[in-house]
Amino acid sequence: MKTTLLLLTLSILSCALTTFAGELPTKPYSGSPAFEKLKTLAGSWKASVDMGQGPMNVNTQYRVIAGGSAVEERMFPDTPKEMVTLYHEKDGKLVLTHYCMLCNRPSMTLVKSDDKSLTFDLDKDSEIKADTEKHMHSAVITFVDADHLTQNWTLFDHGKATEKPSFQFERVK
């Protein structure tokens, strides 16, 4: 009886896995040139930055996830300050959602791009109250070369830019 039940369970599981596997995409997602450029950041990065409290080390990890349809950025991983930014395409436009240590999540849309940089600005549909809420409002990612990256973020408070932290990243090999 146990053998019959085990064989029946394995048979059902095998059918379910075969059915599910048939629905998976056969090749990774390929997006816009800007999105594909972001994918090249996969790996570990380090920087030193002064955010008003003296120089601090910043470790950041990039991963291509969800069948190649999203890029995950983890800044200050495994610390209480950890922040996650998810990049993906929505309606043909590159967007990001930044899960911030300020306990909010601004959404930004790509407003300008070229071979070396991507410029994002707060999305008009973001849940952020831009005139009263302290939040990251814009970001510029500059690809210096394959092993060097600059990020310039703009922090807004009560509708005005207050800080512009700049991160000079180097790939960890």
N, C-alpha and C. Protein backbone atom coordinates (compact mmCIF):
# COMPACT_ATOMS: atom_id res chain seq x y z
N MET A 1 0.82 -1.20 0.00
CA MET A 1 0.00 0.00 0.00
C MET A 1 0.86 1.26 0.00
N LYS A 2 1.92 1.24 0.84
CA LYS A 2 2.80 2.41 0.90
C LYS A 2 3.50 2.63 -0.44
N THR A 3 3.91 1.56 -1.08
CA THR A 3 4.59 1.67 -2.38
C THR A 3 3.64 2.22 -3.43
N THR A 4 2.40 1.77 -3.44
CA THR A 4 1.41 2.25 -4.39
C THR A 4 1.13 3.73 -4.18
N LEU A 5 0.99 4.14 -2.91
CA LEU A 5 0.74 5.53 -2.58
C LEU A 5 1.93 6.40 -2.98
N LEU A 6 3.14 5.92 -2.73
CA LEU A 6 4.34 6.66 -3.10
C LEU A 6 4.43 6.81 -4.62
N LEU A 7 4.17 5.74 -5.36
CA LEU A 7 4.21 5.81 -6.82
C LEU A 7 3.14 6.74 -7.37
N LEU A 8 1.96 6.71 -6.80
CA LEU A 8 0.89 7.60 -7.23
C LEU A 8 1.27 9.05 -6.97
N THR A 9 1.84 9.33 -5.79
CA THR A 9 2.25 10.70 -5.44
C THR A 9 3.35 11.18 -6.38
N LEU A 10 4.34 10.33 -6.65
CA LEU A 10 5.42 10.69 -7.56
C LEU A 10 4.90 10.92 -8.98
N SER A 11 3.95 10.13 -9.40
CA SER A 11 3.37 10.27 -10.73
C SER A 11 2.64 11.60 -10.86
N ILE A 12 1.84 11.94 -9.85
CA ILE A 12 1.11 13.21 -9.86
C ILE A 12 2.08 14.38 -9.84
N LEU A 13 3.10 14.29 -9.00
CA LEU A 13 4.11 15.35 -8.92
C LEU A 13 4.84 15.51 -10.24
N SER A 14 5.17 14.41 -10.87
CA SER A 14 5.86 14.45 -12.17
C SER A 14 5.00 15.13 -13.22
N CYS A 15 3.72 14.81 -13.26
CA CYS A 15 2.80 15.45 -14.22
C CYS A 15 2.69 16.94 -13.95
N ALA A 16 2.58 17.30 -12.68
CA ALA A 16 2.46 18.72 -12.32
C ALA A 16 3.71 19.49 -12.73
N LEU A 17 4.89 18.93 -12.46
CA LEU A 17 6.13 19.60 -12.82
C LEU A 17 6.28 19.72 -14.33
N THR A 18 5.91 18.69 -15.06
CA THR A 18 5.99 18.73 -16.51
C THR A 18 5.06 19.80 -17.07
N THR A 19 3.85 19.89 -16.54
CA THR A 19 2.89 20.89 -16.98
C THR A 19 3.40 22.29 -16.68
N PHE A 20 3.91 22.50 -15.45
CA PHE A 20 4.40 23.82 -15.06
C PHE A 20 5.62 24.21 -15.88
N ALA A 21 6.54 23.27 -16.08
CA ALA A 21 7.77 23.57 -16.83
C ALA A 21 7.44 23.97 -18.26
N GLY A 22 6.37 23.44 -18.81
CA GLY A 22 5.98 23.79 -20.17
C GLY A 22 5.55 25.24 -20.29
N GLU A 23 5.17 25.88 -19.19
CA GLU A 23 4.72 27.27 -19.22
C GLU A 23 5.86 28.26 -19.01
N LEU A 24 7.04 27.77 -18.63
CA LEU A 24 8.16 28.66 -18.39
C LEU A 24 8.71 29.18 -19.71
N PRO A 25 9.21 30.43 -19.70
CA PRO A 25 9.81 30.95 -20.93
C PRO A 25 11.02 30.10 -21.32
N THR A 26 11.25 29.99 -22.61
CA THR A 26 12.36 29.16 -23.07
C THR A 26 13.67 29.94 -23.13
N LYS A 27 13.61 31.26 -23.14
CA LYS A 27 14.83 32.05 -23.13
C LYS A 27 14.67 33.24 -22.20
N PRO A 28 15.79 33.76 -21.68
CA PRO A 28 15.71 34.90 -20.76
C PRO A 28 15.12 36.13 -21.43
N TYR A 29 14.50 36.96 -20.63
CA TYR A 29 13.91 38.22 -21.09
C TYR A 29 15.01 39.12 -21.65
N SER A 30 14.72 39.76 -22.75
CA SER A 30 15.63 40.73 -23.34
C SER A 30 14.86 42.04 -23.47
N GLY A 31 15.42 43.11 -22.88
CA GLY A 31 14.70 44.38 -22.87
C GLY A 31 15.39 45.46 -23.67
N SER A 32 15.08 46.68 -23.32
CA SER A 32 15.64 47.85 -23.99
C SER A 32 17.16 47.90 -23.79
N PRO A 33 17.86 48.67 -24.62
CA PRO A 33 19.31 48.81 -24.43
C PRO A 33 19.66 49.32 -23.02
N ALA A 34 18.87 50.22 -22.48
CA ALA A 34 19.13 50.74 -21.12
C ALA A 34 19.00 49.63 -20.09
N PHE A 35 17.96 48.80 -20.21
CA PHE A 35 17.77 47.70 -19.26
C PHE A 35 18.88 46.67 -19.40
N GLU A 36 19.25 46.35 -20.62
CA GLU A 36 20.33 45.38 -20.85
C GLU A 36 21.65 45.90 -20.29
N LYS A 37 21.87 47.22 -20.34
CA LYS A 37 23.07 47.83 -19.76
C LYS A 37 23.08 47.61 -18.24
N LEU A 38 21.93 47.76 -17.59
CA LEU A 38 21.84 47.52 -16.15
C LEU A 38 22.23 46.09 -15.79
N LYS A 39 21.87 45.14 -16.63
CA LYS A 39 22.19 43.74 -16.35
C LYS A 39 23.69 43.50 -16.24
N THR A 40 24.49 44.33 -16.92
CA THR A 40 25.94 44.15 -16.88
C THR A 40 26.53 44.45 -15.50
N LEU A 41 25.73 45.02 -14.61
CA LEU A 41 26.21 45.35 -13.27
C LEU A 41 26.19 44.14 -12.33
N ALA A 42 25.65 43.02 -12.75
CA ALA A 42 25.54 41.84 -11.88
C ALA A 42 26.88 41.57 -11.20
N GLY A 43 26.81 41.45 -9.86
CA GLY A 43 28.01 41.20 -9.08
C GLY A 43 28.06 42.11 -7.86
N SER A 44 29.23 42.14 -7.23
CA SER A 44 29.43 42.94 -6.01
C SER A 44 30.24 44.19 -6.32
N TRP A 45 29.88 45.27 -5.64
CA TRP A 45 30.50 46.58 -5.83
C TRP A 45 30.78 47.19 -4.46
N LYS A 46 31.77 48.10 -4.41
CA LYS A 46 32.08 48.81 -3.16
C LYS A 46 32.35 50.27 -3.46
N ALA A 47 32.08 51.10 -2.45
CA ALA A 47 32.33 52.54 -2.57
C ALA A 47 32.59 53.10 -1.18
N SER A 48 33.10 54.31 -1.15
CA SER A 48 33.21 55.06 0.09
C SER A 48 32.50 56.38 -0.17
N VAL A 49 31.66 56.80 0.77
CA VAL A 49 30.87 58.01 0.56
C VAL A 49 30.70 58.73 1.90
N ASP A 50 30.57 60.05 1.84
CA ASP A 50 30.27 60.83 3.04
C ASP A 50 28.86 61.36 2.88
N MET A 51 27.96 60.87 3.73
CA MET A 51 26.56 61.31 3.68
C MET A 51 26.25 62.22 4.87
N GLY A 52 27.27 63.04 5.24
CA GLY A 52 27.07 64.00 6.31
C GLY A 52 27.50 63.51 7.68
N GLN A 53 27.94 62.27 7.76
CA GLN A 53 28.35 61.71 9.06
C GLN A 53 29.77 61.16 8.98
N GLY A 54 30.56 61.63 8.04
CA GLY A 54 31.90 61.13 7.83
C GLY A 54 31.90 60.00 6.82
N PRO A 55 33.08 59.66 6.29
CA PRO A 55 33.17 58.62 5.27
C PRO A 55 32.66 57.27 5.77
N MET A 56 31.95 56.58 4.93
CA MET A 56 31.47 55.24 5.26
C MET A 56 31.61 54.35 4.04
N ASN A 57 31.86 53.05 4.29
CA ASN A 57 31.97 52.09 3.21
C ASN A 57 30.58 51.63 2.81
N VAL A 58 30.39 51.49 1.53
CA VAL A 58 29.11 51.06 0.99
C VAL A 58 29.34 49.84 0.12
N ASN A 59 28.73 48.73 0.50
CA ASN A 59 28.75 47.53 -0.33
C ASN A 59 27.41 47.43 -1.03
N THR A 60 27.45 47.04 -2.28
CA THR A 60 26.23 46.92 -3.07
C THR A 60 26.32 45.67 -3.93
N GLN A 61 25.20 44.99 -4.05
CA GLN A 61 25.13 43.78 -4.87
C GLN A 61 24.03 43.95 -5.91
N TYR A 62 24.35 43.53 -7.13
CA TYR A 62 23.36 43.52 -8.21
C TYR A 62 23.13 42.08 -8.63
N ARG A 63 21.85 41.74 -8.83
CA ARG A 63 21.47 40.41 -9.34
C ARG A 63 20.42 40.57 -10.43
N VAL A 64 20.57 39.77 -11.48
CA VAL A 64 19.54 39.70 -12.52
C VAL A 64 18.61 38.57 -12.07
N ILE A 65 17.33 38.88 -11.93
CA ILE A 65 16.37 37.92 -11.37
C ILE A 65 15.14 37.80 -12.27
N ALA A 66 14.24 36.91 -11.89
CA ALA A 66 12.93 36.74 -12.54
C ALA A 66 13.06 36.51 -14.04
N GLY A 67 13.89 35.52 -14.40
CA GLY A 67 14.04 35.18 -15.81
C GLY A 67 14.66 36.28 -16.65
N GLY A 68 15.44 37.16 -15.99
CA GLY A 68 16.08 38.26 -16.70
C GLY A 68 15.20 39.48 -16.84
N SER A 69 14.03 39.49 -16.20
CA SER A 69 13.09 40.61 -16.37
C SER A 69 13.21 41.69 -15.29
N ALA A 70 14.12 41.49 -14.33
CA ALA A 70 14.32 42.48 -13.27
C ALA A 70 15.78 42.46 -12.83
N VAL A 71 16.24 43.61 -12.36
CA VAL A 71 17.56 43.73 -11.76
C VAL A 71 17.35 44.21 -10.33
N GLU A 72 17.93 43.47 -9.40
CA GLU A 72 17.83 43.80 -7.98
C GLU A 72 19.15 44.42 -7.52
N GLU A 73 19.05 45.57 -6.87
CA GLU A 73 20.22 46.23 -6.29
C GLU A 73 20.04 46.23 -4.77
N ARG A 74 21.01 45.70 -4.05
CA ARG A 74 20.98 45.72 -2.58
C ARG A 74 22.14 46.55 -2.08
N MET A 75 21.81 47.71 -1.50
CA MET A 75 22.82 48.59 -0.94
C MET A 75 22.84 48.37 0.57
N PHE A 76 24.01 48.31 1.15
CA PHE A 76 24.20 47.98 2.57
C PHE A 76 23.58 46.62 2.91
N PRO A 77 23.87 45.57 2.10
CA PRO A 77 23.22 44.28 2.35
C PRO A 77 23.53 43.73 3.73
N ASP A 78 22.54 43.05 4.29
CA ASP A 78 22.65 42.38 5.59
C ASP A 78 22.97 43.34 6.74
N THR A 79 22.52 44.58 6.62
CA THR A 79 22.68 45.56 7.70
C THR A 79 21.31 46.20 7.96
N PRO A 80 21.15 46.88 9.09
CA PRO A 80 19.88 47.58 9.34
C PRO A 80 19.58 48.69 8.32
N LYS A 81 20.61 49.16 7.61
CA LYS A 81 20.42 50.22 6.61
C LYS A 81 20.15 49.67 5.21
N GLU A 82 20.01 48.35 5.09
CA GLU A 82 19.84 47.75 3.76
C GLU A 82 18.68 48.40 3.00
N MET A 83 18.96 48.71 1.73
CA MET A 83 17.95 49.25 0.84
C MET A 83 17.95 48.41 -0.43
N VAL A 84 16.80 48.24 -1.02
CA VAL A 84 16.67 47.45 -2.25
C VAL A 84 16.04 48.33 -3.31
N THR A 85 16.64 48.31 -4.49
CA THR A 85 16.06 48.99 -5.63
C THR A 85 15.83 47.94 -6.70
N LEU A 86 14.61 47.87 -7.20
CA LEU A 86 14.25 46.93 -8.26
C LEU A 86 14.03 47.71 -9.55
N TYR A 87 14.73 47.29 -10.59
CA TYR A 87 14.62 47.88 -11.92
C TYR A 87 13.88 46.90 -12.82
N HIS A 88 12.95 47.38 -13.60
CA HIS A 88 12.25 46.54 -14.57
C HIS A 88 11.60 47.44 -15.62
N GLU A 89 11.01 46.82 -16.61
CA GLU A 89 10.35 47.61 -17.64
C GLU A 89 8.84 47.53 -17.47
N LYS A 90 8.20 48.67 -17.63
CA LYS A 90 6.75 48.77 -17.51
C LYS A 90 6.25 49.54 -18.73
N ASP A 91 5.39 48.91 -19.50
CA ASP A 91 4.85 49.55 -20.70
C ASP A 91 5.97 50.07 -21.61
N GLY A 92 7.05 49.30 -21.71
CA GLY A 92 8.16 49.66 -22.59
C GLY A 92 9.12 50.70 -22.04
N LYS A 93 8.92 51.14 -20.79
CA LYS A 93 9.80 52.14 -20.17
C LYS A 93 10.53 51.51 -18.99
N LEU A 94 11.80 51.85 -18.83
CA LEU A 94 12.58 51.39 -17.69
C LEU A 94 12.16 52.19 -16.46
N VAL A 95 11.82 51.47 -15.39
CA VAL A 95 11.39 52.09 -14.15
C VAL A 95 12.15 51.46 -12.99
N LEU A 96 12.08 52.12 -11.84
CA LEU A 96 12.66 51.56 -10.63
C LEU A 96 11.74 51.85 -9.46
N THR A 97 11.82 50.98 -8.46
CA THR A 97 11.19 51.23 -7.17
C THR A 97 12.30 51.10 -6.14
N HIS A 98 12.49 52.14 -5.35
CA HIS A 98 13.56 52.20 -4.36
C HIS A 98 12.95 52.01 -2.97
N TYR A 99 13.25 50.86 -2.35
CA TYR A 99 12.79 50.56 -0.99
C TYR A 99 13.82 51.14 -0.04
N CYS A 100 13.51 52.31 0.50
CA CYS A 100 14.47 53.18 1.16
C CYS A 100 14.51 53.00 2.68
N MET A 101 15.66 53.33 3.27
CA MET A 101 15.77 53.31 4.73
C MET A 101 14.93 54.42 5.36
N LEU A 102 14.38 55.33 4.55
CA LEU A 102 13.45 56.34 5.05
C LEU A 102 12.04 55.76 5.23
N CYS A 103 11.92 54.46 5.00
CA CYS A 103 10.65 53.73 5.16
C CYS A 103 9.60 54.15 4.14
N ASN A 104 10.05 54.49 2.94
CA ASN A 104 9.11 54.74 1.86
C ASN A 104 9.65 54.08 0.59
N ARG A 105 8.93 54.17 -0.49
CA ARG A 105 9.34 53.49 -1.72
C ARG A 105 8.99 54.33 -2.96
N PRO A 106 9.84 55.31 -3.23
CA PRO A 106 9.59 56.11 -4.43
C PRO A 106 9.76 55.28 -5.71
N SER A 107 8.90 55.55 -6.67
CA SER A 107 9.00 54.95 -7.99
C SER A 107 9.51 56.02 -8.94
N MET A 108 10.45 55.62 -9.79
CA MET A 108 11.03 56.57 -10.75
C MET A 108 10.98 55.96 -12.14
N THR A 109 10.97 56.84 -13.13
CA THR A 109 10.94 56.44 -14.53
C THR A 109 12.17 57.01 -15.23
N LEU A 110 12.70 56.24 -16.17
CA LEU A 110 13.83 56.70 -16.96
C LEU A 110 13.37 57.89 -17.80
N VAL A 111 14.06 59.02 -17.67
CA VAL A 111 13.69 60.21 -18.43
C VAL A 111 14.74 60.57 -19.48
N LYS A 112 15.95 59.97 -19.35
CA LYS A 112 17.01 60.27 -20.30
C LYS A 112 18.04 59.14 -20.23
N SER A 113 18.56 58.76 -21.40
CA SER A 113 19.62 57.76 -21.41
C SER A 113 20.52 57.96 -22.62
N ASP A 114 21.76 57.54 -22.44
CA ASP A 114 22.71 57.50 -23.55
C ASP A 114 23.65 56.33 -23.29
N ASP A 115 24.73 56.22 -24.03
CA ASP A 115 25.64 55.09 -23.87
C ASP A 115 26.27 55.01 -22.49
N LYS A 116 26.39 56.15 -21.81
CA LYS A 116 27.12 56.18 -20.54
C LYS A 116 26.25 56.40 -19.30
N SER A 117 25.00 56.87 -19.46
CA SER A 117 24.24 57.19 -18.25
C SER A 117 22.74 56.96 -18.41
N LEU A 118 22.11 56.75 -17.25
CA LEU A 118 20.66 56.60 -17.14
C LEU A 118 20.18 57.61 -16.11
N THR A 119 19.18 58.41 -16.47
CA THR A 119 18.65 59.42 -15.56
C THR A 119 17.20 59.09 -15.24
N PHE A 120 16.89 58.96 -13.95
CA PHE A 120 15.55 58.64 -13.47
C PHE A 120 15.00 59.82 -12.68
N ASP A 121 13.69 60.00 -12.76
CA ASP A 121 13.02 61.05 -11.99
C ASP A 121 11.74 60.46 -11.40
N LEU A 122 11.29 61.06 -10.31
CA LEU A 122 10.10 60.58 -9.62
C LEU A 122 8.94 60.44 -10.59
N ASP A 123 8.31 59.29 -10.57
CA ASP A 123 7.17 59.01 -11.43
C ASP A 123 5.96 59.80 -10.95
N LYS A 124 5.21 60.35 -11.89
CA LYS A 124 4.02 61.14 -11.52
C LYS A 124 2.99 60.30 -10.77
N ASP A 125 3.03 58.97 -10.95
CA ASP A 125 2.09 58.09 -10.26
C ASP A 125 2.67 57.47 -8.99
N SER A 126 3.85 57.93 -8.58
CA SER A 126 4.47 57.40 -7.36
C SER A 126 3.59 57.74 -6.16
N GLU A 127 3.60 56.87 -5.17
CA GLU A 127 2.79 57.12 -3.97
C GLU A 127 3.41 58.16 -3.04
N ILE A 128 4.55 58.70 -3.39
CA ILE A 128 5.24 59.71 -2.57
C ILE A 128 4.49 61.03 -2.63
N LYS A 129 4.38 61.68 -1.49
CA LYS A 129 3.83 63.05 -1.43
C LYS A 129 5.02 64.00 -1.56
N ALA A 130 5.36 64.33 -2.80
CA ALA A 130 6.60 65.03 -3.11
C ALA A 130 6.74 66.39 -2.42
N ASP A 131 5.63 67.07 -2.14
CA ASP A 131 5.73 68.40 -1.54
C ASP A 131 5.91 68.37 -0.02
N THR A 132 5.69 67.21 0.61
CA THR A 132 5.82 67.16 2.08
C THR A 132 6.70 66.02 2.58
N GLU A 133 6.87 64.97 1.81
CA GLU A 133 7.57 63.78 2.28
C GLU A 133 9.05 63.78 1.89
N LYS A 134 9.90 63.47 2.84
CA LYS A 134 11.33 63.32 2.57
C LYS A 134 11.51 62.03 1.76
N HIS A 135 12.18 62.14 0.61
CA HIS A 135 12.29 60.98 -0.27
C HIS A 135 13.41 61.16 -1.30
N MET A 136 13.86 60.05 -1.85
CA MET A 136 14.76 60.10 -2.99
C MET A 136 13.91 60.46 -4.20
N HIS A 137 14.31 61.50 -4.90
CA HIS A 137 13.48 62.05 -5.97
C HIS A 137 14.02 61.73 -7.36
N SER A 138 15.34 61.60 -7.46
CA SER A 138 15.93 61.31 -8.77
C SER A 138 17.25 60.58 -8.58
N ALA A 139 17.71 59.97 -9.67
CA ALA A 139 18.98 59.24 -9.64
C ALA A 139 19.60 59.27 -11.03
N VAL A 140 20.92 59.37 -11.05
CA VAL A 140 21.67 59.27 -12.30
C VAL A 140 22.72 58.19 -12.10
N ILE A 141 22.69 57.20 -12.97
CA ILE A 141 23.68 56.13 -12.95
C ILE A 141 24.60 56.35 -14.14
N THR A 142 25.90 56.47 -13.86
CA THR A 142 26.88 56.69 -14.91
C THR A 142 27.82 55.49 -14.98
N PHE A 143 27.91 54.90 -16.15
CA PHE A 143 28.79 53.76 -16.40
C PHE A 143 30.14 54.30 -16.85
N VAL A 144 31.09 54.36 -15.93
CA VAL A 144 32.41 54.89 -16.24
C VAL A 144 33.16 53.91 -17.15
N ASP A 145 33.23 52.67 -16.72
CA ASP A 145 33.77 51.57 -17.52
C ASP A 145 33.22 50.29 -16.91
N ALA A 146 33.68 49.13 -17.37
CA ALA A 146 33.11 47.86 -16.91
C ALA A 146 33.26 47.64 -15.41
N ASP A 147 34.23 48.30 -14.77
CA ASP A 147 34.50 48.08 -13.35
C ASP A 147 34.29 49.31 -12.48
N HIS A 148 33.76 50.40 -13.05
CA HIS A 148 33.53 51.63 -12.28
C HIS A 148 32.17 52.22 -12.64
N LEU A 149 31.49 52.66 -11.61
CA LEU A 149 30.11 53.13 -11.73
C LEU A 149 29.91 54.29 -10.77
N THR A 150 29.18 55.29 -11.19
CA THR A 150 28.84 56.41 -10.32
C THR A 150 27.32 56.47 -10.19
N GLN A 151 26.85 56.67 -8.97
CA GLN A 151 25.42 56.91 -8.73
C GLN A 151 25.29 58.26 -8.04
N ASN A 152 24.44 59.12 -8.57
CA ASN A 152 24.13 60.40 -7.94
C ASN A 152 22.63 60.42 -7.67
N TRP A 153 22.28 60.46 -6.40
CA TRP A 153 20.89 60.49 -5.97
C TRP A 153 20.56 61.89 -5.48
N THR A 154 19.31 62.30 -5.61
CA THR A 154 18.87 63.59 -5.08
C THR A 154 17.75 63.35 -4.08
N LEU A 155 18.00 63.80 -2.85
CA LEU A 155 17.04 63.69 -1.76
C LEU A 155 16.21 64.96 -1.69
N PHE A 156 14.90 64.82 -1.65
CA PHE A 156 14.00 65.96 -1.50
C PHE A 156 13.38 65.95 -0.12
N ASP A 157 13.18 67.12 0.43
CA ASP A 157 12.45 67.28 1.68
C ASP A 157 11.57 68.51 1.54
N HIS A 158 10.28 68.35 1.77
CA HIS A 158 9.30 69.43 1.62
C HIS A 158 9.40 70.09 0.24
N GLY A 159 9.51 69.26 -0.78
CA GLY A 159 9.46 69.74 -2.15
C GLY A 159 10.75 70.32 -2.70
N LYS A 160 11.85 70.28 -1.93
CA LYS A 160 13.10 70.88 -2.39
C LYS A 160 14.26 69.91 -2.23
N ALA A 161 15.21 69.99 -3.17
CA ALA A 161 16.42 69.18 -3.08
C ALA A 161 17.23 69.62 -1.87
N THR A 162 17.62 68.65 -1.03
CA THR A 162 18.38 68.99 0.17
C THR A 162 19.76 68.33 0.20
N GLU A 163 19.88 67.14 -0.34
CA GLU A 163 21.17 66.43 -0.35
C GLU A 163 21.33 65.76 -1.70
N LYS A 164 22.59 65.57 -2.09
CA LYS A 164 22.88 64.89 -3.35
C LYS A 164 24.04 63.93 -3.13
N PRO A 165 23.77 62.81 -2.43
CA PRO A 165 24.86 61.86 -2.22
C PRO A 165 25.36 61.28 -3.54
N SER A 166 26.69 61.17 -3.64
CA SER A 166 27.33 60.64 -4.83
C SER A 166 28.18 59.43 -4.43
N PHE A 167 27.98 58.34 -5.12
CA PHE A 167 28.69 57.08 -4.84
C PHE A 167 29.59 56.76 -6.03
N GLN A 168 30.87 56.54 -5.77
CA GLN A 168 31.83 56.13 -6.79
C GLN A 168 32.11 54.65 -6.55
N PHE A 169 31.47 53.78 -7.30
CA PHE A 169 31.60 52.34 -7.07
C PHE A 169 32.72 51.73 -7.92
N GLU A 170 33.31 50.69 -7.34
CA GLU A 170 34.29 49.87 -8.02
C GLU A 170 33.85 48.42 -7.89
N ARG A 171 33.93 47.67 -8.99
CA ARG A 171 33.53 46.26 -8.98
C ARG A 171 34.48 45.48 -8.09
N VAL A 172 33.92 44.59 -7.26
CA VAL A 172 34.72 43.70 -6.43
C VAL A 172 34.99 42.45 -7.25
N LYS A 173 36.26 42.11 -7.41
CA LYS A 173 36.62 40.94 -8.23
C LYS A 173 37.03 39.77 -7.34
